[in-house]
Amino acid sequence: MITGGVLSHIAAMSNQKIYIAWNSVVEEIFGKDHLIIAGDLNNLADLYQRQNKYAEAVGLYKRILEILEKALGPNHANVATVCETMSRLHRKLGQEDEAERLEERARRVRSVH
């Protein structure tokens, strides 16, 4: 008998493969710096967070941040949101200095709005 935990693990692995495959297709169509890519990467980063794969999630959020800065500018509210998310992840990884730096950046961006 397959337990719920096993089914959840299988579903998460399937979702990860789907996100990665879909992202490759979308990158070919729209280019690697399109906002759609940021949204897809965000979905995958959220999945990694649910799996406690914080370092992998941080890597994706760094890429999301690059896309958002390029597409929306460095002072857009979405940039602040990603910085806040990354800050929480860095705290979970025990990287307090980086967490503080990102929190400060998010505050600066939010102060503009």
N, C-alpha and C. Protein backbone atom coordinates (compact mmCIF):
# COMPACT_ATOMS: atom_id res chain seq x y z
N MET A 1 0.84 -1.18 0.00
CA MET A 1 0.00 0.00 0.00
C MET A 1 0.89 1.24 0.00
N ILE A 2 0.51 2.24 -0.79
CA ILE A 2 1.25 3.50 -0.87
C ILE A 2 0.64 4.47 0.14
N THR A 3 1.50 5.04 0.97
CA THR A 3 1.03 5.97 1.99
C THR A 3 0.94 7.38 1.42
N GLY A 4 0.25 8.26 2.15
CA GLY A 4 0.10 9.65 1.72
C GLY A 4 1.43 10.36 1.57
N GLY A 5 2.39 10.06 2.46
CA GLY A 5 3.71 10.69 2.38
C GLY A 5 4.43 10.32 1.10
N VAL A 6 4.31 9.06 0.71
CA VAL A 6 4.95 8.61 -0.53
C VAL A 6 4.28 9.29 -1.73
N LEU A 7 2.97 9.36 -1.71
CA LEU A 7 2.25 10.02 -2.81
C LEU A 7 2.62 11.49 -2.90
N SER A 8 2.74 12.16 -1.76
CA SER A 8 3.14 13.57 -1.75
C SER A 8 4.53 13.74 -2.34
N HIS A 9 5.44 12.84 -1.98
CA HIS A 9 6.81 12.89 -2.50
C HIS A 9 6.81 12.69 -4.02
N ILE A 10 6.06 11.72 -4.50
CA ILE A 10 5.98 11.46 -5.94
C ILE A 10 5.39 12.67 -6.65
N ALA A 11 4.33 13.25 -6.09
CA ALA A 11 3.72 14.43 -6.70
C ALA A 11 4.70 15.60 -6.75
N ALA A 12 5.44 15.82 -5.68
CA ALA A 12 6.41 16.92 -5.65
C ALA A 12 7.50 16.72 -6.69
N MET A 13 7.98 15.49 -6.82
CA MET A 13 9.01 15.20 -7.83
C MET A 13 8.45 15.43 -9.23
N SER A 14 7.21 15.02 -9.46
CA SER A 14 6.59 15.22 -10.76
C SER A 14 6.43 16.70 -11.05
N ASN A 15 5.98 17.47 -10.05
CA ASN A 15 5.83 18.91 -10.24
C ASN A 15 7.16 19.57 -10.56
N GLN A 16 8.21 19.15 -9.89
CA GLN A 16 9.54 19.71 -10.14
C GLN A 16 9.94 19.47 -11.59
N LYS A 17 9.76 18.27 -12.06
CA LYS A 17 10.12 17.95 -13.46
C LYS A 17 9.27 18.75 -14.44
N ILE A 18 8.00 18.91 -14.12
CA ILE A 18 7.11 19.68 -14.99
C ILE A 18 7.56 21.13 -15.04
N TYR A 19 7.83 21.75 -13.88
CA TYR A 19 8.29 23.14 -13.84
C TYR A 19 9.56 23.32 -14.66
N ILE A 20 10.51 22.41 -14.49
CA ILE A 20 11.78 22.54 -15.19
C ILE A 20 11.59 22.39 -16.70
N ALA A 21 10.81 21.41 -17.11
CA ALA A 21 10.56 21.21 -18.55
C ALA A 21 9.81 22.40 -19.14
N TRP A 22 8.78 22.85 -18.44
CA TRP A 22 8.00 23.98 -18.91
C TRP A 22 8.86 25.23 -19.03
N ASN A 23 9.71 25.46 -18.05
CA ASN A 23 10.58 26.62 -18.06
C ASN A 23 11.48 26.62 -19.29
N SER A 24 11.98 25.47 -19.67
CA SER A 24 12.84 25.38 -20.86
C SER A 24 12.08 25.79 -22.12
N VAL A 25 10.84 25.35 -22.23
CA VAL A 25 10.02 25.69 -23.39
C VAL A 25 9.73 27.19 -23.41
N VAL A 26 9.34 27.73 -22.27
CA VAL A 26 9.00 29.15 -22.19
C VAL A 26 10.23 30.02 -22.48
N GLU A 27 11.40 29.61 -21.98
CA GLU A 27 12.63 30.37 -22.26
C GLU A 27 12.90 30.42 -23.76
N GLU A 28 12.66 29.33 -24.45
CA GLU A 28 12.88 29.32 -25.91
C GLU A 28 11.92 30.26 -26.61
N ILE A 29 10.71 30.35 -26.13
CA ILE A 29 9.70 31.19 -26.78
C ILE A 29 9.90 32.66 -26.45
N PHE A 30 10.05 32.99 -25.18
CA PHE A 30 10.06 34.39 -24.74
C PHE A 30 11.43 34.94 -24.41
N GLY A 31 12.41 34.09 -24.23
CA GLY A 31 13.73 34.53 -23.81
C GLY A 31 13.90 34.32 -22.32
N LYS A 32 15.15 34.26 -21.89
CA LYS A 32 15.44 33.87 -20.50
C LYS A 32 15.15 34.96 -19.48
N ASP A 33 14.88 36.19 -19.91
CA ASP A 33 14.65 37.28 -18.98
C ASP A 33 13.22 37.79 -18.97
N HIS A 34 12.29 37.00 -19.48
CA HIS A 34 10.88 37.40 -19.52
C HIS A 34 10.24 37.21 -18.14
N LEU A 35 9.28 38.05 -17.83
CA LEU A 35 8.61 37.95 -16.53
C LEU A 35 7.89 36.61 -16.34
N ILE A 36 7.47 35.99 -17.41
CA ILE A 36 6.84 34.66 -17.29
C ILE A 36 7.83 33.68 -16.68
N ILE A 37 9.10 33.80 -17.05
CA ILE A 37 10.13 32.93 -16.49
C ILE A 37 10.23 33.14 -14.99
N ALA A 38 10.19 34.40 -14.57
CA ALA A 38 10.26 34.70 -13.13
C ALA A 38 9.10 34.03 -12.40
N GLY A 39 7.92 34.07 -12.97
CA GLY A 39 6.77 33.43 -12.35
C GLY A 39 6.93 31.92 -12.25
N ASP A 40 7.43 31.33 -13.31
CA ASP A 40 7.64 29.88 -13.29
C ASP A 40 8.73 29.49 -12.29
N LEU A 41 9.80 30.27 -12.25
CA LEU A 41 10.87 30.00 -11.29
C LEU A 41 10.36 30.17 -9.86
N ASN A 42 9.47 31.13 -9.67
CA ASN A 42 8.88 31.34 -8.35
C ASN A 42 8.10 30.10 -7.90
N ASN A 43 7.35 29.51 -8.82
CA ASN A 43 6.61 28.28 -8.49
C ASN A 43 7.56 27.17 -8.08
N LEU A 44 8.66 27.02 -8.81
CA LEU A 44 9.63 25.99 -8.48
C LEU A 44 10.32 26.30 -7.15
N ALA A 45 10.65 27.56 -6.90
CA ALA A 45 11.27 27.95 -5.64
C ALA A 45 10.33 27.68 -4.47
N ASP A 46 9.05 27.95 -4.66
CA ASP A 46 8.06 27.64 -3.61
C ASP A 46 8.03 26.14 -3.33
N LEU A 47 8.10 25.34 -4.38
CA LEU A 47 8.13 23.89 -4.21
C LEU A 47 9.37 23.48 -3.41
N TYR A 48 10.52 24.05 -3.75
CA TYR A 48 11.75 23.74 -3.02
C TYR A 48 11.63 24.12 -1.54
N GLN A 49 10.99 25.25 -1.28
CA GLN A 49 10.80 25.65 0.12
C GLN A 49 9.96 24.62 0.87
N ARG A 50 8.88 24.17 0.24
CA ARG A 50 8.03 23.16 0.88
C ARG A 50 8.79 21.86 1.13
N GLN A 51 9.82 21.60 0.33
CA GLN A 51 10.64 20.40 0.48
C GLN A 51 11.85 20.66 1.39
N ASN A 52 11.92 21.84 1.99
CA ASN A 52 13.04 22.25 2.84
C ASN A 52 14.37 22.28 2.09
N LYS A 53 14.32 22.54 0.81
CA LYS A 53 15.53 22.69 -0.01
C LYS A 53 15.81 24.19 -0.15
N TYR A 54 16.22 24.77 0.96
CA TYR A 54 16.35 26.23 1.03
C TYR A 54 17.46 26.77 0.14
N ALA A 55 18.57 26.10 0.07
CA ALA A 55 19.67 26.58 -0.77
C ALA A 55 19.27 26.60 -2.24
N GLU A 56 18.55 25.57 -2.68
CA GLU A 56 18.09 25.52 -4.07
C GLU A 56 17.09 26.65 -4.33
N ALA A 57 16.22 26.89 -3.36
CA ALA A 57 15.25 27.97 -3.50
C ALA A 57 15.94 29.32 -3.59
N VAL A 58 16.96 29.55 -2.77
CA VAL A 58 17.69 30.82 -2.81
C VAL A 58 18.29 31.03 -4.19
N GLY A 59 18.87 29.99 -4.77
CA GLY A 59 19.44 30.12 -6.11
C GLY A 59 18.41 30.57 -7.14
N LEU A 60 17.22 30.02 -7.04
CA LEU A 60 16.16 30.42 -7.97
C LEU A 60 15.70 31.85 -7.70
N TYR A 61 15.59 32.21 -6.43
CA TYR A 61 15.18 33.58 -6.11
C TYR A 61 16.21 34.60 -6.57
N LYS A 62 17.48 34.25 -6.58
CA LYS A 62 18.50 35.16 -7.11
C LYS A 62 18.23 35.42 -8.59
N ARG A 63 17.90 34.37 -9.30
CA ARG A 63 17.59 34.51 -10.73
C ARG A 63 16.31 35.32 -10.94
N ILE A 64 15.31 35.05 -10.10
CA ILE A 64 14.06 35.81 -10.17
C ILE A 64 14.34 37.30 -9.95
N LEU A 65 15.17 37.59 -8.97
CA LEU A 65 15.52 38.97 -8.66
C LEU A 65 16.19 39.65 -9.86
N GLU A 66 17.09 38.95 -10.52
CA GLU A 66 17.74 39.51 -11.72
C GLU A 66 16.72 39.84 -12.79
N ILE A 67 15.79 38.94 -13.02
CA ILE A 67 14.76 39.16 -14.05
C ILE A 67 13.89 40.36 -13.67
N LEU A 68 13.45 40.41 -12.42
CA LEU A 68 12.57 41.51 -11.99
C LEU A 68 13.28 42.85 -12.09
N GLU A 69 14.54 42.90 -11.66
CA GLU A 69 15.29 44.16 -11.72
C GLU A 69 15.43 44.63 -13.16
N LYS A 70 15.69 43.70 -14.05
CA LYS A 70 15.87 44.05 -15.46
C LYS A 70 14.54 44.49 -16.08
N ALA A 71 13.47 43.80 -15.76
CA ALA A 71 12.17 44.08 -16.39
C ALA A 71 11.41 45.22 -15.72
N LEU A 72 11.51 45.34 -14.40
CA LEU A 72 10.68 46.29 -13.66
C LEU A 72 11.46 47.41 -12.99
N GLY A 73 12.76 47.24 -12.90
CA GLY A 73 13.60 48.22 -12.22
C GLY A 73 13.91 47.79 -10.80
N PRO A 74 14.98 48.31 -10.22
CA PRO A 74 15.44 47.86 -8.91
C PRO A 74 14.57 48.32 -7.74
N ASN A 75 13.66 49.26 -7.97
CA ASN A 75 12.84 49.77 -6.88
C ASN A 75 11.37 49.37 -6.98
N HIS A 76 11.10 48.32 -7.71
CA HIS A 76 9.72 47.83 -7.83
C HIS A 76 9.35 47.03 -6.58
N ALA A 77 8.08 47.11 -6.21
CA ALA A 77 7.60 46.41 -5.01
C ALA A 77 7.85 44.91 -5.07
N ASN A 78 7.80 44.31 -6.26
CA ASN A 78 8.05 42.87 -6.38
C ASN A 78 9.50 42.53 -6.03
N VAL A 79 10.41 43.46 -6.29
CA VAL A 79 11.81 43.26 -5.90
C VAL A 79 11.90 43.18 -4.38
N ALA A 80 11.19 44.06 -3.69
CA ALA A 80 11.18 44.03 -2.22
C ALA A 80 10.62 42.71 -1.70
N THR A 81 9.56 42.22 -2.32
CA THR A 81 8.96 40.96 -1.89
C THR A 81 9.94 39.81 -2.02
N VAL A 82 10.65 39.75 -3.13
CA VAL A 82 11.63 38.68 -3.33
C VAL A 82 12.77 38.82 -2.31
N CYS A 83 13.20 40.04 -2.06
CA CYS A 83 14.25 40.25 -1.05
C CYS A 83 13.80 39.76 0.32
N GLU A 84 12.55 40.02 0.67
CA GLU A 84 12.02 39.56 1.96
C GLU A 84 11.98 38.03 2.03
N THR A 85 11.57 37.41 0.94
CA THR A 85 11.53 35.95 0.89
C THR A 85 12.93 35.37 1.01
N MET A 86 13.87 35.95 0.27
CA MET A 86 15.25 35.47 0.34
C MET A 86 15.82 35.66 1.74
N SER A 87 15.47 36.76 2.39
CA SER A 87 15.94 37.01 3.74
C SER A 87 15.50 35.89 4.69
N ARG A 88 14.24 35.50 4.60
CA ARG A 88 13.74 34.41 5.45
C ARG A 88 14.49 33.11 5.19
N LEU A 89 14.78 32.85 3.92
CA LEU A 89 15.50 31.61 3.57
C LEU A 89 16.94 31.65 4.10
N HIS A 90 17.58 32.79 3.96
CA HIS A 90 18.95 32.91 4.48
C HIS A 90 18.98 32.70 5.99
N ARG A 91 17.95 33.17 6.67
CA ARG A 91 17.87 32.94 8.13
C ARG A 91 17.76 31.44 8.41
N LYS A 92 16.95 30.74 7.64
CA LYS A 92 16.81 29.30 7.83
C LYS A 92 18.12 28.57 7.58
N LEU A 93 18.95 29.16 6.72
CA LEU A 93 20.26 28.58 6.41
C LEU A 93 21.34 29.06 7.37
N GLY A 94 20.96 29.90 8.33
CA GLY A 94 21.92 30.39 9.30
C GLY A 94 22.82 31.49 8.77
N GLN A 95 22.40 32.16 7.72
CA GLN A 95 23.20 33.21 7.08
C GLN A 95 22.62 34.58 7.45
N GLU A 96 22.84 34.94 8.70
CA GLU A 96 22.22 36.13 9.28
C GLU A 96 22.64 37.42 8.58
N ASP A 97 23.92 37.56 8.23
CA ASP A 97 24.39 38.80 7.59
C ASP A 97 23.68 39.03 6.25
N GLU A 98 23.57 37.99 5.45
CA GLU A 98 22.89 38.11 4.16
C GLU A 98 21.41 38.39 4.37
N ALA A 99 20.82 37.77 5.37
CA ALA A 99 19.41 38.02 5.68
C ALA A 99 19.18 39.49 6.04
N GLU A 100 20.06 40.04 6.84
CA GLU A 100 19.95 41.45 7.23
C GLU A 100 20.12 42.38 6.03
N ARG A 101 21.08 42.06 5.17
CA ARG A 101 21.32 42.88 3.97
C ARG A 101 20.07 42.91 3.09
N LEU A 102 19.45 41.76 2.90
CA LEU A 102 18.26 41.69 2.06
C LEU A 102 17.06 42.39 2.71
N GLU A 103 16.94 42.27 4.02
CA GLU A 103 15.86 42.98 4.72
C GLU A 103 16.01 44.49 4.56
N GLU A 104 17.23 44.96 4.69
CA GLU A 104 17.49 46.40 4.54
C GLU A 104 17.16 46.85 3.12
N ARG A 105 17.53 46.06 2.16
CA ARG A 105 17.22 46.42 0.77
C ARG A 105 15.71 46.47 0.56
N ALA A 106 14.99 45.50 1.11
CA ALA A 106 13.53 45.49 0.97
C ALA A 106 12.93 46.73 1.62
N ARG A 107 13.44 47.12 2.78
CA ARG A 107 12.94 48.34 3.44
C ARG A 107 13.18 49.58 2.58
N ARG A 108 14.36 49.67 1.97
CA ARG A 108 14.66 50.83 1.12
C ARG A 108 13.70 50.89 -0.07
N VAL A 109 13.46 49.75 -0.69
CA VAL A 109 12.55 49.71 -1.83
C VAL A 109 11.14 50.07 -1.39
N ARG A 110 10.71 49.52 -0.28
CA ARG A 110 9.35 49.80 0.21
C ARG A 110 9.19 51.27 0.58
N SER A 111 10.26 51.91 1.03
CA SER A 111 10.17 53.32 1.42
C SER A 111 9.93 54.23 0.21
N VAL A 112 10.27 53.76 -0.96
CA VAL A 112 10.06 54.52 -2.19
C VAL A 112 8.57 54.51 -2.55
N HIS A 113 7.88 53.46 -2.16
CA HIS A 113 6.46 53.30 -2.55
C HIS A 113 5.54 53.75 -1.49
